[in-house]
Amino acid sequence: MALKSSKEAGDPLLWIQKLVRMEYVEFSDHVYMAISIGDYDDRDILDSIQNAVSIKKQKDEMRNSKDGWKYIITGLDRSGLSFDTVGKIVDGDNDDDCFFVITAYGRR
């Protein structure tokens, strides 16, 4: 399934959740490092996005997101604890939309 237009999606959280379900997600080196040292794992990130309780947006200062925004998504990790993910919608493989996770952190 081609996922090429975030503008067609309307609600950014619903679009991001769809990208996650379709596994159109990439992680920054920072996130890979945190996963490798055991701060959290990829399921914590993906689950917290899927069960998000809030989303906030900020201007993307790097100006490489498709819609000009980065998103701070708060949900629950696999342990049921509050978990924040910061990311943005970017061009992924084959120019399909992709959710790029910049950083993530739990409140433990």
PDB file of N, CA and C in Angstrom:
ATOM      1  N   MET A   1       0.839  -1.178   0.000  1.00  0.00           N
ATOM      2  CA  MET A   1       0.000   0.000   0.000  1.00  0.00           C
ATOM      3  C   MET A   1       0.881   1.236   0.000  1.00  0.00           C
ATOM      4  N   ALA A   2       0.654   2.112  -0.918  1.00  0.00           N
ATOM      5  CA  ALA A   2       1.438   3.343  -0.985  1.00  0.00           C
ATOM      6  C   ALA A   2       0.875   4.363  -0.006  1.00  0.00           C
ATOM      7  N   LEU A   3       1.754   4.951   0.771  1.00  0.00           N
ATOM      8  CA  LEU A   3       1.380   5.981   1.730  1.00  0.00           C
ATOM      9  C   LEU A   3       2.172   7.223   1.382  1.00  0.00           C
ATOM     10  N   LYS A   4       1.651   8.005   0.482  1.00  0.00           N
ATOM     11  CA  LYS A   4       2.425   9.103  -0.069  1.00  0.00           C
ATOM     12  C   LYS A   4       1.987  10.485   0.366  1.00  0.00           C
ATOM     13  N   SER A   5       0.804  10.648   0.933  1.00  0.00           N
ATOM     14  CA  SER A   5       0.349  12.010   1.174  1.00  0.00           C
ATOM     15  C   SER A   5      -0.197  12.219   2.575  1.00  0.00           C
ATOM     16  N   SER A   6       0.609  12.821   3.428  1.00  0.00           N
ATOM     17  CA  SER A   6       0.148  13.122   4.776  1.00  0.00           C
ATOM     18  C   SER A   6      -0.948  14.186   4.752  1.00  0.00           C
ATOM     19  N   LYS A   7      -0.982  15.020   3.738  1.00  0.00           N
ATOM     20  CA  LYS A   7      -2.009  16.060   3.652  1.00  0.00           C
ATOM     21  C   LYS A   7      -3.397  15.455   3.467  1.00  0.00           C
ATOM     22  N   GLU A   8      -3.468  14.296   2.834  1.00  0.00           N
ATOM     23  CA  GLU A   8      -4.750  13.622   2.647  1.00  0.00           C
ATOM     24  C   GLU A   8      -5.239  12.992   3.941  1.00  0.00           C
ATOM     25  N   ALA A   9      -4.368  12.841   4.903  1.00  0.00           N
ATOM     26  CA  ALA A   9      -4.698  12.086   6.107  1.00  0.00           C
ATOM     27  C   ALA A   9      -5.589  12.849   7.075  1.00  0.00           C
ATOM     28  N   GLY A  10      -5.540  14.177   7.099  1.00  0.00           N
ATOM     29  CA  GLY A  10      -6.334  14.933   8.056  1.00  0.00           C
ATOM     30  C   GLY A  10      -5.672  14.980   9.422  1.00  0.00           C
ATOM     31  N   ASP A  11      -6.127  14.158  10.342  1.00  0.00           N
ATOM     32  CA  ASP A  11      -5.621  14.109  11.715  1.00  0.00           C
ATOM     33  C   ASP A  11      -4.220  13.507  11.729  1.00  0.00           C
ATOM     34  N   PRO A  12      -3.200  14.287  12.163  1.00  0.00           N
ATOM     35  CA  PRO A  12      -1.835  13.757  12.119  1.00  0.00           C
ATOM     36  C   PRO A  12      -1.628  12.529  13.004  1.00  0.00           C
ATOM     37  N   LEU A  13      -2.284  12.458  14.154  1.00  0.00           N
ATOM     38  CA  LEU A  13      -2.111  11.285  15.008  1.00  0.00           C
ATOM     39  C   LEU A  13      -2.626  10.028  14.318  1.00  0.00           C
ATOM     40  N   LEU A  14      -3.781  10.114  13.699  1.00  0.00           N
ATOM     41  CA  LEU A  14      -4.313   8.945  12.985  1.00  0.00           C
ATOM     42  C   LEU A  14      -3.388   8.533  11.853  1.00  0.00           C
ATOM     43  N   TRP A  15      -2.805   9.522  11.161  1.00  0.00           N
ATOM     44  CA  TRP A  15      -1.875   9.218  10.070  1.00  0.00           C
ATOM     45  C   TRP A  15      -0.609   8.544  10.608  1.00  0.00           C
ATOM     46  N   ILE A  16      -0.064   9.080  11.684  1.00  0.00           N
ATOM     47  CA  ILE A  16       1.138   8.503  12.290  1.00  0.00           C
ATOM     48  C   ILE A  16       0.851   7.084  12.780  1.00  0.00           C
ATOM     49  N   GLN A  17      -0.298   6.879  13.403  1.00  0.00           N
ATOM     50  CA  GLN A  17      -0.661   5.531  13.863  1.00  0.00           C
ATOM     51  C   GLN A  17      -0.772   4.563  12.680  1.00  0.00           C
ATOM     52  N   LYS A  18      -1.288   5.038  11.569  1.00  0.00           N
ATOM     53  CA  LYS A  18      -1.370   4.183  10.379  1.00  0.00           C
ATOM     54  C   LYS A  18       0.033   3.846   9.862  1.00  0.00           C
ATOM     55  N   LEU A  19       0.913   4.831   9.842  1.00  0.00           N
ATOM     56  CA  LEU A  19       2.285   4.573   9.415  1.00  0.00           C
ATOM     57  C   LEU A  19       2.949   3.533  10.319  1.00  0.00           C
ATOM     58  N   VAL A  20       2.701   3.637  11.609  1.00  0.00           N
ATOM     59  CA  VAL A  20       3.273   2.666  12.560  1.00  0.00           C
ATOM     60  C   VAL A  20       2.707   1.272  12.304  1.00  0.00           C
ATOM     61  N   ARG A  21       1.398   1.168  12.118  1.00  0.00           N
ATOM     62  CA  ARG A  21       0.781  -0.147  11.837  1.00  0.00           C
ATOM     63  C   ARG A  21       1.354  -0.776  10.574  1.00  0.00           C
ATOM     64  N   MET A  22       1.653   0.066   9.590  1.00  0.00           N
ATOM     65  CA  MET A  22       2.194  -0.420   8.319  1.00  0.00           C
ATOM     66  C   MET A  22       3.717  -0.616   8.379  1.00  0.00           C
ATOM     67  N   GLU A  23       4.303  -0.337   9.557  1.00  0.00           N
ATOM     68  CA  GLU A  23       5.744  -0.448   9.797  1.00  0.00           C
ATOM     69  C   GLU A  23       6.558   0.512   8.937  1.00  0.00           C
ATOM     70  N   TYR A  24       5.994   1.686   8.671  1.00  0.00           N
ATOM     71  CA  TYR A  24       6.691   2.758   7.976  1.00  0.00           C
ATOM     72  C   TYR A  24       7.280   3.686   9.036  1.00  0.00           C
ATOM     73  N   VAL A  25       8.266   3.167   9.764  1.00  0.00           N
ATOM     74  CA  VAL A  25       8.880   3.878  10.880  1.00  0.00           C
ATOM     75  C   VAL A  25      10.386   3.733  10.774  1.00  0.00           C
ATOM     76  N   GLU A  26      11.091   4.822  11.052  1.00  0.00           N
ATOM     77  CA  GLU A  26      12.556   4.793  11.127  1.00  0.00           C
ATOM     78  C   GLU A  26      12.964   5.434  12.442  1.00  0.00           C
ATOM     79  N   PHE A  27      14.097   4.974  13.001  1.00  0.00           N
ATOM     80  CA  PHE A  27      14.610   5.506  14.258  1.00  0.00           C
ATOM     81  C   PHE A  27      15.913   6.250  14.019  1.00  0.00           C
ATOM     82  N   SER A  28      16.116   7.316  14.793  1.00  0.00           N
ATOM     83  CA  SER A  28      17.376   8.053  14.750  1.00  0.00           C
ATOM     84  C   SER A  28      18.469   7.221  15.416  1.00  0.00           C
ATOM     85  N   ASP A  29      19.721   7.615  15.185  1.00  0.00           N
ATOM     86  CA  ASP A  29      20.844   6.957  15.862  1.00  0.00           C
ATOM     87  C   ASP A  29      20.699   7.078  17.378  1.00  0.00           C
ATOM     88  N   HIS A  30      20.205   8.211  17.831  1.00  0.00           N
ATOM     89  CA  HIS A  30      19.991   8.429  19.265  1.00  0.00           C
ATOM     90  C   HIS A  30      19.040   7.372  19.836  1.00  0.00           C
ATOM     91  N   VAL A  31      17.960   7.099  19.128  1.00  0.00           N
ATOM     92  CA  VAL A  31      16.991   6.101  19.590  1.00  0.00           C
ATOM     93  C   VAL A  31      17.602   4.705  19.553  1.00  0.00           C
ATOM     94  N   TYR A  32      18.327   4.382  18.480  1.00  0.00           N
ATOM     95  CA  TYR A  32      18.987   3.072  18.421  1.00  0.00           C
ATOM     96  C   TYR A  32      19.961   2.888  19.581  1.00  0.00           C
ATOM     97  N   MET A  33      20.667   3.947  19.958  1.00  0.00           N
ATOM     98  CA  MET A  33      21.601   3.868  21.076  1.00  0.00           C
ATOM     99  C   MET A  33      20.844   3.592  22.377  1.00  0.00           C
ATOM    100  N   ALA A  34      19.751   4.301  22.597  1.00  0.00           N
ATOM    101  CA  ALA A  34      18.957   4.090  23.817  1.00  0.00           C
ATOM    102  C   ALA A  34      18.390   2.670  23.871  1.00  0.00           C
ATOM    103  N   ILE A  35      17.972   2.148  22.731  1.00  0.00           N
ATOM    104  CA  ILE A  35      17.483   0.767  22.676  1.00  0.00           C
ATOM    105  C   ILE A  35      18.617  -0.200  23.004  1.00  0.00           C
ATOM    106  N   SER A  36      19.793   0.049  22.442  1.00  0.00           N
ATOM    107  CA  SER A  36      20.916  -0.878  22.634  1.00  0.00           C
ATOM    108  C   SER A  36      21.399  -0.938  24.079  1.00  0.00           C
ATOM    109  N   ILE A  37      21.237   0.153  24.837  1.00  0.00           N
ATOM    110  CA  ILE A  37      21.672   0.127  26.236  1.00  0.00           C
ATOM    111  C   ILE A  37      20.529  -0.228  27.186  1.00  0.00           C
ATOM    112  N   GLY A  38      19.357  -0.494  26.629  1.00  0.00           N
ATOM    113  CA  GLY A  38      18.255  -0.993  27.437  1.00  0.00           C
ATOM    114  C   GLY A  38      17.359   0.046  28.078  1.00  0.00           C
ATOM    115  N   ASP A  39      17.442   1.296  27.635  1.00  0.00           N
ATOM    116  CA  ASP A  39      16.557   2.320  28.195  1.00  0.00           C
ATOM    117  C   ASP A  39      15.091   1.986  27.922  1.00  0.00           C
ATOM    118  N   TYR A  40      14.831   1.457  26.757  1.00  0.00           N
ATOM    119  CA  TYR A  40      13.506   1.024  26.314  1.00  0.00           C
ATOM    120  C   TYR A  40      13.714   0.175  25.081  1.00  0.00           C
ATOM    121  N   ASP A  41      12.647  -0.376  24.528  1.00  0.00           N
ATOM    122  CA  ASP A  41      12.798  -1.105  23.274  1.00  0.00           C
ATOM    123  C   ASP A  41      11.808  -0.566  22.242  1.00  0.00           C
ATOM    124  N   ASP A  42      11.932  -1.065  21.036  1.00  0.00           N
ATOM    125  CA  ASP A  42      11.105  -0.532  19.959  1.00  0.00           C
ATOM    126  C   ASP A  42       9.616  -0.725  20.223  1.00  0.00           C
ATOM    127  N   ARG A  43       9.237  -1.798  20.927  1.00  0.00           N
ATOM    128  CA  ARG A  43       7.817  -2.031  21.225  1.00  0.00           C
ATOM    129  C   ARG A  43       7.263  -0.950  22.146  1.00  0.00           C
ATOM    130  N   ASP A  44       8.079  -0.447  23.077  1.00  0.00           N
ATOM    131  CA  ASP A  44       7.622   0.648  23.934  1.00  0.00           C
ATOM    132  C   ASP A  44       7.247   1.856  23.085  1.00  0.00           C
ATOM    133  N   ILE A  45       8.086   2.174  22.114  1.00  0.00           N
ATOM    134  CA  ILE A  45       7.829   3.315  21.229  1.00  0.00           C
ATOM    135  C   ILE A  45       6.563   3.088  20.419  1.00  0.00           C
ATOM    136  N   LEU A  46       6.506   1.953  19.738  1.00  0.00           N
ATOM    137  CA  LEU A  46       5.385   1.681  18.835  1.00  0.00           C
ATOM    138  C   LEU A  46       4.071   1.545  19.601  1.00  0.00           C
ATOM    139  N   ASP A  47       4.095   0.861  20.741  1.00  0.00           N
ATOM    140  CA  ASP A  47       2.877   0.716  21.537  1.00  0.00           C
ATOM    141  C   ASP A  47       2.392   2.056  22.072  1.00  0.00           C
ATOM    142  N   SER A  48       3.323   2.904  22.511  1.00  0.00           N
ATOM    143  CA  SER A  48       2.901   4.199  23.067  1.00  0.00           C
ATOM    144  C   SER A  48       2.280   5.092  21.991  1.00  0.00           C
ATOM    145  N   ILE A  49       2.730   4.954  20.762  1.00  0.00           N
ATOM    146  CA  ILE A  49       2.116   5.716  19.670  1.00  0.00           C
ATOM    147  C   ILE A  49       0.717   5.173  19.386  1.00  0.00           C
ATOM    148  N   GLN A  50       0.586   3.861  19.360  1.00  0.00           N
ATOM    149  CA  GLN A  50      -0.710   3.258  19.043  1.00  0.00           C
ATOM    150  C   GLN A  50      -1.761   3.558  20.106  1.00  0.00           C
ATOM    151  N   ASN A  51      -1.366   3.689  21.362  1.00  0.00           N
ATOM    152  CA  ASN A  51      -2.357   3.987  22.407  1.00  0.00           C
ATOM    153  C   ASN A  51      -2.191   5.404  22.953  1.00  0.00           C
ATOM    154  N   ALA A  52      -1.814   6.305  22.088  1.00  0.00           N
ATOM    155  CA  ALA A  52      -1.540   7.699  22.481  1.00  0.00           C
ATOM    156  C   ALA A  52      -2.732   8.340  23.185  1.00  0.00           C
ATOM    157  N   VAL A  53      -2.414   9.145  24.196  1.00  0.00           N
ATOM    158  CA  VAL A  53      -3.439   9.903  24.902  1.00  0.00           C
ATOM    159  C   VAL A  53      -3.377  11.386  24.549  1.00  0.00           C
ATOM    160  N   SER A  54      -2.243  11.825  23.976  1.00  0.00           N
ATOM    161  CA  SER A  54      -2.150  13.218  23.538  1.00  0.00           C
ATOM    162  C   SER A  54      -1.075  13.362  22.467  1.00  0.00           C
ATOM    163  N   ILE A  55      -1.239  14.428  21.693  1.00  0.00           N
ATOM    164  CA  ILE A  55      -0.239  14.778  20.683  1.00  0.00           C
ATOM    165  C   ILE A  55      -0.126  16.302  20.667  1.00  0.00           C
ATOM    166  N   LYS A  56       1.101  16.777  20.607  1.00  0.00           N
ATOM    167  CA  LYS A  56       1.375  18.206  20.484  1.00  0.00           C
ATOM    168  C   LYS A  56       2.262  18.375  19.262  1.00  0.00           C
ATOM    169  N   LYS A  57       2.232  19.546  18.681  1.00  0.00           N
ATOM    170  CA  LYS A  57       3.117  19.778  17.542  1.00  0.00           C
ATOM    171  C   LYS A  57       3.950  21.025  17.766  1.00  0.00           C
ATOM    172  N   GLN A  58       5.148  20.986  17.192  1.00  0.00           N
ATOM    173  CA  GLN A  58       6.077  22.113  17.222  1.00  0.00           C
ATOM    174  C   GLN A  58       6.645  22.282  15.823  1.00  0.00           C
ATOM    175  N   LYS A  59       6.995  23.494  15.492  1.00  0.00           N
ATOM    176  CA  LYS A  59       7.646  23.738  14.201  1.00  0.00           C
ATOM    177  C   LYS A  59       8.903  22.879  14.094  1.00  0.00           C
ATOM    178  N   ASP A  60       9.113  22.306  12.934  1.00  0.00           N
ATOM    179  CA  ASP A  60      10.309  21.509  12.679  1.00  0.00           C
ATOM    180  C   ASP A  60      11.447  22.457  12.316  1.00  0.00           C
ATOM    181  N   GLU A  61      12.328  22.700  13.285  1.00  0.00           N
ATOM    182  CA  GLU A  61      13.425  23.655  13.059  1.00  0.00           C
ATOM    183  C   GLU A  61      14.419  23.155  12.002  1.00  0.00           C
ATOM    184  N   MET A  62      14.463  21.864  11.764  1.00  0.00           N
ATOM    185  CA  MET A  62      15.346  21.316  10.726  1.00  0.00           C
ATOM    186  C   MET A  62      14.746  21.469   9.326  1.00  0.00           C
ATOM    187  N   ARG A  63      13.454  21.704   9.277  1.00  0.00           N
ATOM    188  CA  ARG A  63      12.723  21.946   8.026  1.00  0.00           C
ATOM    189  C   ARG A  63      12.831  20.801   7.019  1.00  0.00           C
ATOM    190  N   ASN A  64      12.859  19.560   7.524  1.00  0.00           N
ATOM    191  CA  ASN A  64      12.894  18.435   6.596  1.00  0.00           C
ATOM    192  C   ASN A  64      11.702  17.493   6.772  1.00  0.00           C
ATOM    193  N   SER A  65      10.701  17.933   7.544  1.00  0.00           N
ATOM    194  CA  SER A  65       9.479  17.136   7.643  1.00  0.00           C
ATOM    195  C   SER A  65       8.573  17.495   6.472  1.00  0.00           C
ATOM    196  N   LYS A  66       7.674  16.589   6.159  1.00  0.00           N
ATOM    197  CA  LYS A  66       6.803  16.818   5.010  1.00  0.00           C
ATOM    198  C   LYS A  66       5.779  17.912   5.256  1.00  0.00           C
ATOM    199  N   ASP A  67       5.372  18.084   6.514  1.00  0.00           N
ATOM    200  CA  ASP A  67       4.310  19.043   6.804  1.00  0.00           C
ATOM    201  C   ASP A  67       4.777  20.237   7.635  1.00  0.00           C
ATOM    202  N   GLY A  68       6.098  20.322   7.916  1.00  0.00           N
ATOM    203  CA  GLY A  68       6.627  21.455   8.665  1.00  0.00           C
ATOM    204  C   GLY A  68       6.556  21.314  10.172  1.00  0.00           C
ATOM    205  N   TRP A  69       6.128  20.140  10.672  1.00  0.00           N
ATOM    206  CA  TRP A  69       5.949  19.944  12.099  1.00  0.00           C
ATOM    207  C   TRP A  69       6.704  18.737  12.607  1.00  0.00           C
ATOM    208  N   LYS A  70       7.044  18.785  13.902  1.00  0.00           N
ATOM    209  CA  LYS A  70       7.447  17.584  14.614  1.00  0.00           C
ATOM    210  C   LYS A  70       6.398  17.371  15.697  1.00  0.00           C
ATOM    211  N   TYR A  71       6.212  16.126  16.088  1.00  0.00           N
ATOM    212  CA  TYR A  71       5.122  15.772  16.981  1.00  0.00           C
ATOM    213  C   TYR A  71       5.651  15.150  18.265  1.00  0.00           C
ATOM    214  N   ILE A  72       5.064  15.545  19.381  1.00  0.00           N
ATOM    215  CA  ILE A  72       5.362  14.956  20.676  1.00  0.00           C
ATOM    216  C   ILE A  72       4.121  14.146  21.053  1.00  0.00           C
ATOM    217  N   ILE A  73       4.291  12.833  21.068  1.00  0.00           N
ATOM    218  CA  ILE A  73       3.172  11.928  21.300  1.00  0.00           C
ATOM    219  C   ILE A  73       3.352  11.283  22.673  1.00  0.00           C
ATOM    220  N   THR A  74       2.338  11.378  23.509  1.00  0.00           N
ATOM    221  CA  THR A  74       2.356  10.754  24.827  1.00  0.00           C
ATOM    222  C   THR A  74       1.383   9.586  24.828  1.00  0.00           C
ATOM    223  N   GLY A  75       1.904   8.447  25.215  1.00  0.00           N
ATOM    224  CA  GLY A  75       1.084   7.245  25.337  1.00  0.00           C
ATOM    225  C   GLY A  75       1.604   6.418  26.491  1.00  0.00           C
ATOM    226  N   LEU A  76       1.253   5.144  26.490  1.00  0.00           N
ATOM    227  CA  LEU A  76       1.703   4.233  27.533  1.00  0.00           C
ATOM    228  C   LEU A  76       2.619   3.185  26.925  1.00  0.00           C
ATOM    229  N   ASP A  77       3.719   2.902  27.630  1.00  0.00           N
ATOM    230  CA  ASP A  77       4.616   1.851  27.146  1.00  0.00           C
ATOM    231  C   ASP A  77       4.037   0.484  27.524  1.00  0.00           C
ATOM    232  N   ARG A  78       4.787  -0.573  27.261  1.00  0.00           N
ATOM    233  CA  ARG A  78       4.289  -1.926  27.513  1.00  0.00           C
ATOM    234  C   ARG A  78       4.036  -2.202  28.985  1.00  0.00           C
ATOM    235  N   SER A  79       4.650  -1.425  29.863  1.00  0.00           N
ATOM    236  CA  SER A  79       4.441  -1.591  31.305  1.00  0.00           C
ATOM    237  C   SER A  79       3.296  -0.729  31.822  1.00  0.00           C
ATOM    238  N   GLY A  80       2.674   0.047  30.944  1.00  0.00           N
ATOM    239  CA  GLY A  80       1.582   0.920  31.347  1.00  0.00           C
ATOM    240  C   GLY A  80       2.025   2.257  31.900  1.00  0.00           C
ATOM    241  N   LEU A  81       3.306   2.579  31.728  1.00  0.00           N
ATOM    242  CA  LEU A  81       3.836   3.852  32.204  1.00  0.00           C
ATOM    243  C   LEU A  81       3.824   4.886  31.085  1.00  0.00           C
ATOM    244  N   SER A  82       3.733   6.139  31.470  1.00  0.00           N
ATOM    245  CA  SER A  82       3.727   7.225  30.501  1.00  0.00           C
ATOM    246  C   SER A  82       5.034   7.220  29.702  1.00  0.00           C
ATOM    247  N   PHE A  83       4.910   7.425  28.390  1.00  0.00           N
ATOM    248  CA  PHE A  83       6.059   7.355  27.486  1.00  0.00           C
ATOM    249  C   PHE A  83       5.863   8.377  26.384  1.00  0.00           C
ATOM    250  N   ASP A  84       6.887   9.195  26.127  1.00  0.00           N
ATOM    251  CA  ASP A  84       6.821  10.235  25.099  1.00  0.00           C
ATOM    252  C   ASP A  84       7.703   9.875  23.911  1.00  0.00           C
ATOM    253  N   THR A  85       7.191  10.138  22.746  1.00  0.00           N
ATOM    254  CA  THR A  85       7.935   9.935  21.507  1.00  0.00           C
ATOM    255  C   THR A  85       7.906  11.238  20.724  1.00  0.00           C
ATOM    256  N   VAL A  86       9.062  11.661  20.228  1.00  0.00           N
ATOM    257  CA  VAL A  86       9.150  12.861  19.399  1.00  0.00           C
ATOM    258  C   VAL A  86       9.582  12.421  18.012  1.00  0.00           C
ATOM    259  N   GLY A  87       8.812  12.827  17.010  1.00  0.00           N
ATOM    260  CA  GLY A  87       9.151  12.434  15.651  1.00  0.00           C
ATOM    261  C   GLY A  87       8.473  13.325  14.633  1.00  0.00           C
ATOM    262  N   LYS A  88       8.700  12.995  13.373  1.00  0.00           N
ATOM    263  CA  LYS A  88       8.116  13.784  12.295  1.00  0.00           C
ATOM    264  C   LYS A  88       7.867  12.907  11.081  1.00  0.00           C
ATOM    265  N   ILE A  89       6.987  13.373  10.230  1.00  0.00           N
ATOM    266  CA  ILE A  89       6.665  12.657   8.996  1.00  0.00           C
ATOM    267  C   ILE A  89       7.646  13.113   7.930  1.00  0.00           C
ATOM    268  N   VAL A  90       8.351  12.151   7.350  1.00  0.00           N
ATOM    269  CA  VAL A  90       9.369  12.434   6.335  1.00  0.00           C
ATOM    270  C   VAL A  90       9.146  11.513   5.141  1.00  0.00           C
ATOM    271  N   ASP A  91       9.896  11.776   4.075  1.00  0.00           N
ATOM    272  CA  ASP A  91       9.907  10.849   2.941  1.00  0.00           C
ATOM    273  C   ASP A  91      10.714   9.627   3.327  1.00  0.00           C
ATOM    274  N   GLY A  92      10.123   8.457   3.184  1.00  0.00           N
ATOM    275  CA  GLY A  92      10.831   7.210   3.427  1.00  0.00           C
ATOM    276  C   GLY A  92      11.223   6.572   2.105  1.00  0.00           C
ATOM    277  N   ASP A  93      11.368   5.260   2.125  1.00  0.00           N
ATOM    278  CA  ASP A  93      11.690   4.527   0.906  1.00  0.00           C
ATOM    279  C   ASP A  93      10.602   4.747  -0.143  1.00  0.00           C
ATOM    280  N   ASN A  94      10.997   4.834  -1.381  1.00  0.00           N
ATOM    281  CA  ASN A  94      10.075   5.012  -2.517  1.00  0.00           C
ATOM    282  C   ASN A  94       9.199   6.246  -2.373  1.00  0.00           C
ATOM    283  N   ASP A  95       9.677   7.244  -1.627  1.00  0.00           N
ATOM    284  CA  ASP A  95       8.948   8.489  -1.394  1.00  0.00           C
ATOM    285  C   ASP A  95       7.640   8.299  -0.635  1.00  0.00           C
ATOM    286  N   ASP A  96       7.438   7.135  -0.012  1.00  0.00           N
ATOM    287  CA  ASP A  96       6.275   6.944   0.855  1.00  0.00           C
ATOM    288  C   ASP A  96       6.498   7.720   2.139  1.00  0.00           C
ATOM    289  N   ASP A  97       5.409   8.163   2.768  1.00  0.00           N
ATOM    290  CA  ASP A  97       5.520   8.794   4.071  1.00  0.00           C
ATOM    291  C   ASP A  97       6.084   7.794   5.068  1.00  0.00           C
ATOM    292  N   CYS A  98       6.844   8.312   6.024  1.00  0.00           N
ATOM    293  CA  CYS A  98       7.455   7.500   7.070  1.00  0.00           C
ATOM    294  C   CYS A  98       7.470   8.339   8.339  1.00  0.00           C
ATOM    295  N   PHE A  99       7.254   7.702   9.498  1.00  0.00           N
ATOM    296  CA  PHE A  99       7.377   8.427  10.754  1.00  0.00           C
ATOM    297  C   PHE A  99       8.785   8.213  11.280  1.00  0.00           C
ATOM    298  N   PHE A 100       9.551   9.306  11.366  1.00  0.00           N
ATOM    299  CA  PHE A 100      10.934   9.262  11.825  1.00  0.00           C
ATOM    300  C   PHE A 100      10.966   9.635  13.304  1.00  0.00           C
ATOM    301  N   VAL A 101      11.388   8.690  14.157  1.00  0.00           N
ATOM    302  CA  VAL A 101      11.439   8.918  15.599  1.00  0.00           C
ATOM    303  C   VAL A 101      12.775   9.554  15.948  1.00  0.00           C
ATOM    304  N   ILE A 102      12.716  10.791  16.435  1.00  0.00           N
ATOM    305  CA  ILE A 102      13.916  11.553  16.785  1.00  0.00           C
ATOM    306  C   ILE A 102      14.431  11.133  18.151  1.00  0.00           C
ATOM    307  N   THR A 103      13.531  11.076  19.124  1.00  0.00           N
ATOM    308  CA  THR A 103      13.877  10.664  20.479  1.00  0.00           C
ATOM    309  C   THR A 103      12.643  10.107  21.160  1.00  0.00           C
ATOM    310  N   ALA A 104      12.869   9.426  22.261  1.00  0.00           N
ATOM    311  CA  ALA A 104      11.771   8.862  23.052  1.00  0.00           C
ATOM    312  C   ALA A 104      12.242   8.742  24.488  1.00  0.00           C
ATOM    313  N   TYR A 105      11.324   8.837  25.412  1.00  0.00           N
ATOM    314  CA  TYR A 105      11.704   8.726  26.813  1.00  0.00           C
ATOM    315  C   TYR A 105      10.485   8.389  27.648  1.00  0.00           C
ATOM    316  N   GLY A 106      10.714   7.581  28.666  1.00  0.00           N
ATOM    317  CA  GLY A 106       9.670   7.207  29.603  1.00  0.00           C
ATOM    318  C   GLY A 106       9.804   7.980  30.888  1.00  0.00           C
ATOM    319  N   ARG A 107       8.762   7.988  31.660  1.00  0.00           N
ATOM    320  CA  ARG A 107       8.780   8.641  32.968  1.00  0.00           C
ATOM    321  C   ARG A 107       8.746   7.548  34.021  1.00  0.00           C
ATOM    322  N   ARG A 108       9.902   7.139  34.451  1.00  0.00           N
ATOM    323  CA  ARG A 108      10.002   6.009  35.401  1.00  0.00           C
ATOM    324  C   ARG A 108      10.360   6.483  36.777  1.00  0.00           C
TER     325      ARG A 108
END
